[in-house]
Protein backbone atom coordinates (compact mmCIF):
# COMPACT_ATOMS: atom_id res chain seq x y z
CA MET A 1 1.28 100.66 101.28
CA HIS A 2 1.70 100.97 97.76
CA TYR A 3 1.95 97.87 95.30
CA LEU A 4 1.73 98.55 91.51
CA LEU A 5 0.66 95.21 89.36
CA PHE A 6 2.17 95.53 85.65
CA TYR A 7 1.15 93.20 83.18
CA GLU A 8 2.41 91.88 79.51
CA VAL A 9 -0.41 90.93 77.56
CA VAL A 10 -0.34 88.74 74.65
CA ASP A 11 -0.45 90.19 71.04
CA ASP A 12 -3.74 89.00 70.36
CA TYR A 13 -5.16 90.66 74.02
CA ALA A 14 -7.22 93.18 72.63
CA GLU A 15 -9.69 90.59 70.54
CA ARG A 16 -9.80 88.01 73.04
CA ARG A 17 -10.80 89.54 76.54
CA ALA A 18 -14.55 89.79 75.79
CA GLU A 19 -14.28 86.51 76.47
CA PHE A 20 -13.00 87.49 80.24
CA ARG A 21 -14.07 90.74 80.80
CA GLN A 22 -16.63 90.82 82.74
CA ALA A 23 -15.28 88.05 85.10
CA HIS A 24 -12.29 90.83 84.99
CA LEU A 25 -14.51 93.39 85.55
CA ALA A 26 -16.50 91.49 88.85
CA LYS A 27 -13.11 90.82 90.75
CA ALA A 28 -11.23 93.87 90.02
CA TRP A 29 -14.92 95.88 91.36
CA ARG A 30 -14.88 92.89 94.28
CA ALA A 31 -11.40 94.54 95.55
CA SER A 32 -12.21 97.99 95.52
CA ALA A 33 -14.86 98.07 97.58
CA ARG A 34 -12.51 96.35 100.11
CA GLY A 35 -10.69 99.14 99.62
CA GLU A 36 -7.46 97.04 98.08
CA LEU A 37 -7.81 97.83 94.64
CA VAL A 38 -7.45 101.83 94.05
CA LEU A 39 -7.48 102.15 90.09
CA GLY A 40 -6.73 99.84 87.14
CA GLY A 41 -6.82 99.94 83.43
CA ALA A 42 -4.84 99.00 80.14
CA LEU A 43 -2.16 100.57 79.06
CA ALA A 44 -3.46 102.52 75.40
CA ASP A 45 -1.74 103.24 71.93
CA PRO A 46 -0.81 100.17 71.69
CA ILE A 47 -1.90 97.69 74.20
CA ASP A 48 0.42 95.92 74.93
CA GLY A 49 0.22 95.59 79.27
CA ALA A 50 -1.87 97.09 82.23
CA VAL A 51 -0.81 98.74 85.69
CA LEU A 52 -2.95 98.51 88.70
CA LEU A 53 -2.44 100.36 91.83
CA PHE A 54 -3.67 98.62 95.14
CA HIS A 55 -3.12 99.75 98.97
CA GLY A 56 -1.97 96.25 101.64
CA GLU A 57 0.02 95.66 103.98
CA SER A 58 2.04 93.56 102.22
CA ALA A 59 2.95 92.98 98.23
CA ALA A 60 0.23 90.20 98.84
CA VAL A 61 -2.78 91.59 97.80
CA ALA A 62 -1.53 91.98 94.56
CA GLU A 63 0.21 88.87 94.05
CA ASP A 64 -3.11 87.31 95.70
CA PHE A 65 -5.48 88.99 92.61
CA ALA A 66 -3.06 88.35 89.61
CA ARG A 67 -2.75 84.52 90.55
CA ALA A 68 -6.99 84.43 90.44
CA ASP A 69 -7.53 87.03 87.68
CA PRO A 70 -9.57 85.16 85.13
CA TYR A 71 -7.68 87.72 82.84
CA VAL A 72 -4.40 85.34 83.74
CA THR A 73 -5.72 82.51 84.15
CA GLY A 74 -7.15 82.77 81.12
CA GLY A 75 -3.60 83.38 79.37
CA LEU A 76 -4.39 86.38 78.21
CA VAL A 77 -1.64 87.87 80.13
CA LYS A 78 2.06 86.31 79.74
CA ARG A 79 4.38 87.69 82.21
CA TRP A 80 3.59 89.89 85.39
CA HIS A 81 5.36 91.16 88.40
CA VAL A 82 4.65 93.59 91.74
CA ARG A 83 6.42 96.46 92.27
CA GLU A 84 6.21 98.44 95.33
CA TRP A 85 5.01 102.36 95.20
CA ASN A 86 7.19 104.86 97.98
CA THR A 87 3.69 107.09 97.58
CA VAL A 88 4.57 110.32 99.42
CA VAL A 89 2.95 112.95 97.61
CA GLY A 90 -1.34 113.25 97.81
CA GLU A 91 -4.40 112.49 100.32
CA GLY A 92 -4.06 109.41 99.85
CA ALA A 93 -0.10 108.53 99.98
CA ALA A 94 1.40 105.60 102.42
CA ASN A 95 4.59 107.67 102.95
CA PRO A 96 3.33 111.78 102.44
CA VAL A 97 6.55 113.85 102.48
CA LYS A 98 5.65 117.76 102.96
CA PRO A 99 8.16 120.29 102.26
CA ASN A 100 10.89 121.97 103.85
CA PRO A 101 9.42 125.93 103.92
CA GLU A 102 13.60 126.44 105.02
CA ALA A 103 14.95 124.48 102.55
CA LYS A 104 16.24 126.19 99.22
CA SER A 105 14.81 124.43 96.10
CA ALA A 106 16.54 123.63 93.08
CA ASP A 107 16.19 126.31 91.35
CA GLU A 108 16.50 129.01 94.08
CA PRO A 109 19.93 131.14 94.57
CA GLY A 110 22.43 130.10 96.84
CA ARG A 111 21.95 125.54 96.40
CA SER A 112 25.09 124.22 94.14
CA VAL A 113 23.62 121.41 92.40
CA ARG A 114 25.92 118.52 91.34
CA THR A 115 25.82 117.46 88.11
CA ARG A 116 28.12 115.43 85.94
CA SER A 117 29.63 118.59 84.47
CA SER A 118 30.44 120.21 88.42
CA PRO A 119 34.40 121.26 87.61
CA GLU A 120 34.72 118.21 91.01
CA ARG A 121 32.96 115.54 88.61
CA ALA A 122 34.68 116.88 85.56
CA ASN A 123 37.76 114.34 86.16
CA ALA A 124 35.95 111.44 87.98
CA GLY A 125 34.80 109.04 86.04
CA PRO A 126 32.63 105.21 86.63
CA SER A 127 33.25 104.43 90.15
CA ILE A 128 29.92 101.89 90.69
CA LEU A 129 29.54 98.88 88.11
CA ARG A 130 25.87 97.68 87.85
CA LEU A 131 25.43 93.96 86.56
CA TRP A 132 23.06 91.79 84.99
CA THR A 133 22.65 88.88 84.05
CA ALA A 134 19.98 86.97 81.87
CA ARG A 135 20.03 83.93 79.16
CA THR A 136 18.28 83.13 75.75
CA THR A 137 18.40 81.37 72.78
CA ALA A 138 20.33 81.76 70.47
CA GLU A 139 17.58 82.30 68.07
CA LYS A 140 16.03 84.98 70.05
CA PHE A 141 20.14 86.70 70.77
CA ASP A 142 20.21 88.63 68.12
CA ASP A 143 16.69 90.44 69.05
CA TYR A 144 17.86 91.06 72.34
CA VAL A 145 20.97 92.33 70.37
CA ARG A 146 18.37 94.86 68.31
CA HIS A 147 16.76 95.88 71.60
CA VAL A 148 20.07 96.71 73.72
CA THR A 149 22.12 99.25 71.26
CA GLY A 150 19.59 100.08 69.36
CA SER A 151 16.68 101.18 72.53
CA VAL A 152 18.51 100.65 76.23
CA PHE A 153 22.55 101.73 76.00
CA PRO A 154 20.74 105.16 74.04
CA ALA A 155 18.80 105.90 77.03
CA LEU A 156 20.81 105.21 79.15
CA GLY A 157 23.45 107.50 77.29
CA GLU A 158 21.14 110.55 77.96
CA MET A 159 20.87 110.20 81.62
CA GLU A 160 23.17 112.79 83.53
CA GLY A 161 25.70 110.21 85.33
CA TYR A 162 25.76 107.19 83.23
CA GLY A 163 29.51 106.45 82.67
CA GLY A 164 29.33 103.91 79.25
CA GLY A 165 28.08 100.35 79.68
CA TYR A 166 29.03 96.31 77.79
CA LEU A 167 26.75 93.93 76.05
CA LEU A 168 28.80 90.01 76.50
CA ARG A 169 28.28 86.58 75.79
CA ARG A 170 28.92 83.13 76.13
CA GLU A 171 26.98 80.23 74.84
CA ARG A 172 25.51 77.43 77.96
CA ASP A 173 23.83 74.39 78.49
CA ALA A 174 22.61 74.82 74.81
CA GLU A 175 21.63 78.32 75.14
CA VAL A 176 23.19 82.34 75.27
CA GLU A 177 24.00 83.81 78.69
CA ILE A 178 24.04 87.24 78.54
CA VAL A 179 25.69 89.99 81.24
CA VAL A 180 24.93 93.90 81.05
CA LEU A 181 27.48 95.57 82.97
CA THR A 182 27.20 99.64 82.83
CA LEU A 183 28.94 102.51 85.16
CA TRP A 184 27.98 105.13 86.49
CA GLU A 185 29.25 107.78 88.91
CA SER A 186 26.76 107.40 91.50
CA MET A 187 23.85 105.17 93.64
CA GLU A 188 21.89 108.51 93.06
CA ALA A 189 23.18 108.25 89.93
CA ILE A 190 21.78 104.83 88.91
CA GLU A 191 18.75 105.62 91.55
CA GLN A 192 16.94 107.95 88.33
CA PHE A 193 17.35 105.36 85.89
CA ALA A 194 15.88 102.10 87.96
CA GLY A 195 13.84 103.48 91.62
CA ARG A 196 13.62 103.50 94.75
CA ASP A 197 15.38 100.29 95.11
CA PRO A 198 18.87 100.31 93.40
CA ASN A 199 18.62 97.00 93.45
CA GLN A 200 15.73 95.71 91.41
CA ALA A 201 16.76 94.79 87.63
CA VAL A 202 14.63 97.12 85.26
CA VAL A 203 13.37 94.91 81.85
CA GLU A 204 11.57 95.99 79.63
CA PRO A 205 8.48 93.51 77.78
CA ARG A 206 10.51 94.19 74.91
CA ALA A 207 13.18 92.00 76.28
CA ARG A 208 11.08 90.03 78.83
CA ALA A 209 9.74 88.41 75.35
CA VAL A 210 12.68 87.18 74.62
CA LEU A 211 14.63 85.45 77.99
CA THR A 212 13.93 82.05 78.65
CA THR A 213 15.33 83.57 82.34
CA PHE A 214 17.57 86.72 84.12
CA ASP A 215 17.69 88.02 86.87
CA GLU A 216 15.31 89.99 89.33
CA PHE A 217 18.19 91.18 90.91
CA VAL A 218 21.25 93.41 89.67
CA LYS A 219 24.81 93.65 91.92
CA HIS A 220 26.44 96.55 92.84
CA TYR A 221 30.65 96.92 92.82
CA GLU A 222 32.76 99.91 93.89
CA ILE A 223 35.09 100.17 90.76
CA VAL A 224 38.74 100.66 92.98
CA ASP A 225 41.01 100.57 89.75
CA SER A 226 40.74 101.12 86.15
CA PRO A 227 43.13 101.49 83.09
CA ALA A 228 42.08 105.32 84.06
CA GLY A 229 44.49 104.80 86.71
CA PRO A 230 42.44 104.01 90.21
CA VAL A 231 38.96 105.62 90.94
CA HIS A 232 39.39 105.97 94.65
CA PRO A 233 43.81 106.39 95.04
CA LYS A 234 45.31 105.88 98.53
CA SER A 235 46.66 109.54 100.83
C-alpha cells in the first residue's frame, strides 16, 4: 500500500533546515534505496510543509521514518500525520483499476448523472449530518472563527451536495469547546470532500495551528426529521 506523510513545519523552517538537511537527506535516500520512500520534498510558495510518499505493508513505514527524522527530532516539524493513499492508476499503483470498456463514461450519452440540480434531488434536502469537535484557547478562538467563516464554509458552499453548516462553542475547563456540524445530501457527496475514508477528519494546517486538541475522526448521523419535515417519511 501507499502512505502519504504530511509535515507541517515551523515558520522559520527554510532558514533553519540547513543544520539538519544532510542528515535528513541521508536518511531519506536510505529509505528510498530500501524501496520504502517513493518520493519526497517540501511544498513550495509558501514553504509551509512537506509531503513524502511511502510504499509498505502498513503505515508504520512512514510513521517510523517520521519519528526518527532529523527534521522532526530537530524541532523543524510542528505536526505530522500519515494517510493511507489508495492508488489505482499508474505503473506503480497499489490497487490498479482498469476501465471497463463496456461502461459508459459520464460524458457519453445514455448515462444519467445525478447532481444536486436533478429533479429527484430538488426537494430532498440534506440527509447526513457530519459532526466534529475540537478545543482551543479563548485567545485563539477568534482566529479559528475567521478561518472557518472566511475559508472553510465558503469553499464547502461551492461543493455539490453540501447543505450548510453550523459552528458552535461553549466554555469548558478553561478552554473553548468547538463543535462543527455540516449537512450533506449523501455519503457520496461527503467523500468528494473528505476523500476515500469519509470518517477521517479534514483539518487544515491553519486550523491545526490554533487548536489544542481535535478529533482525528468524525461522526455521521442520518437525519430522520427536521423543521422542514421528515427526510425519510414513513410510507
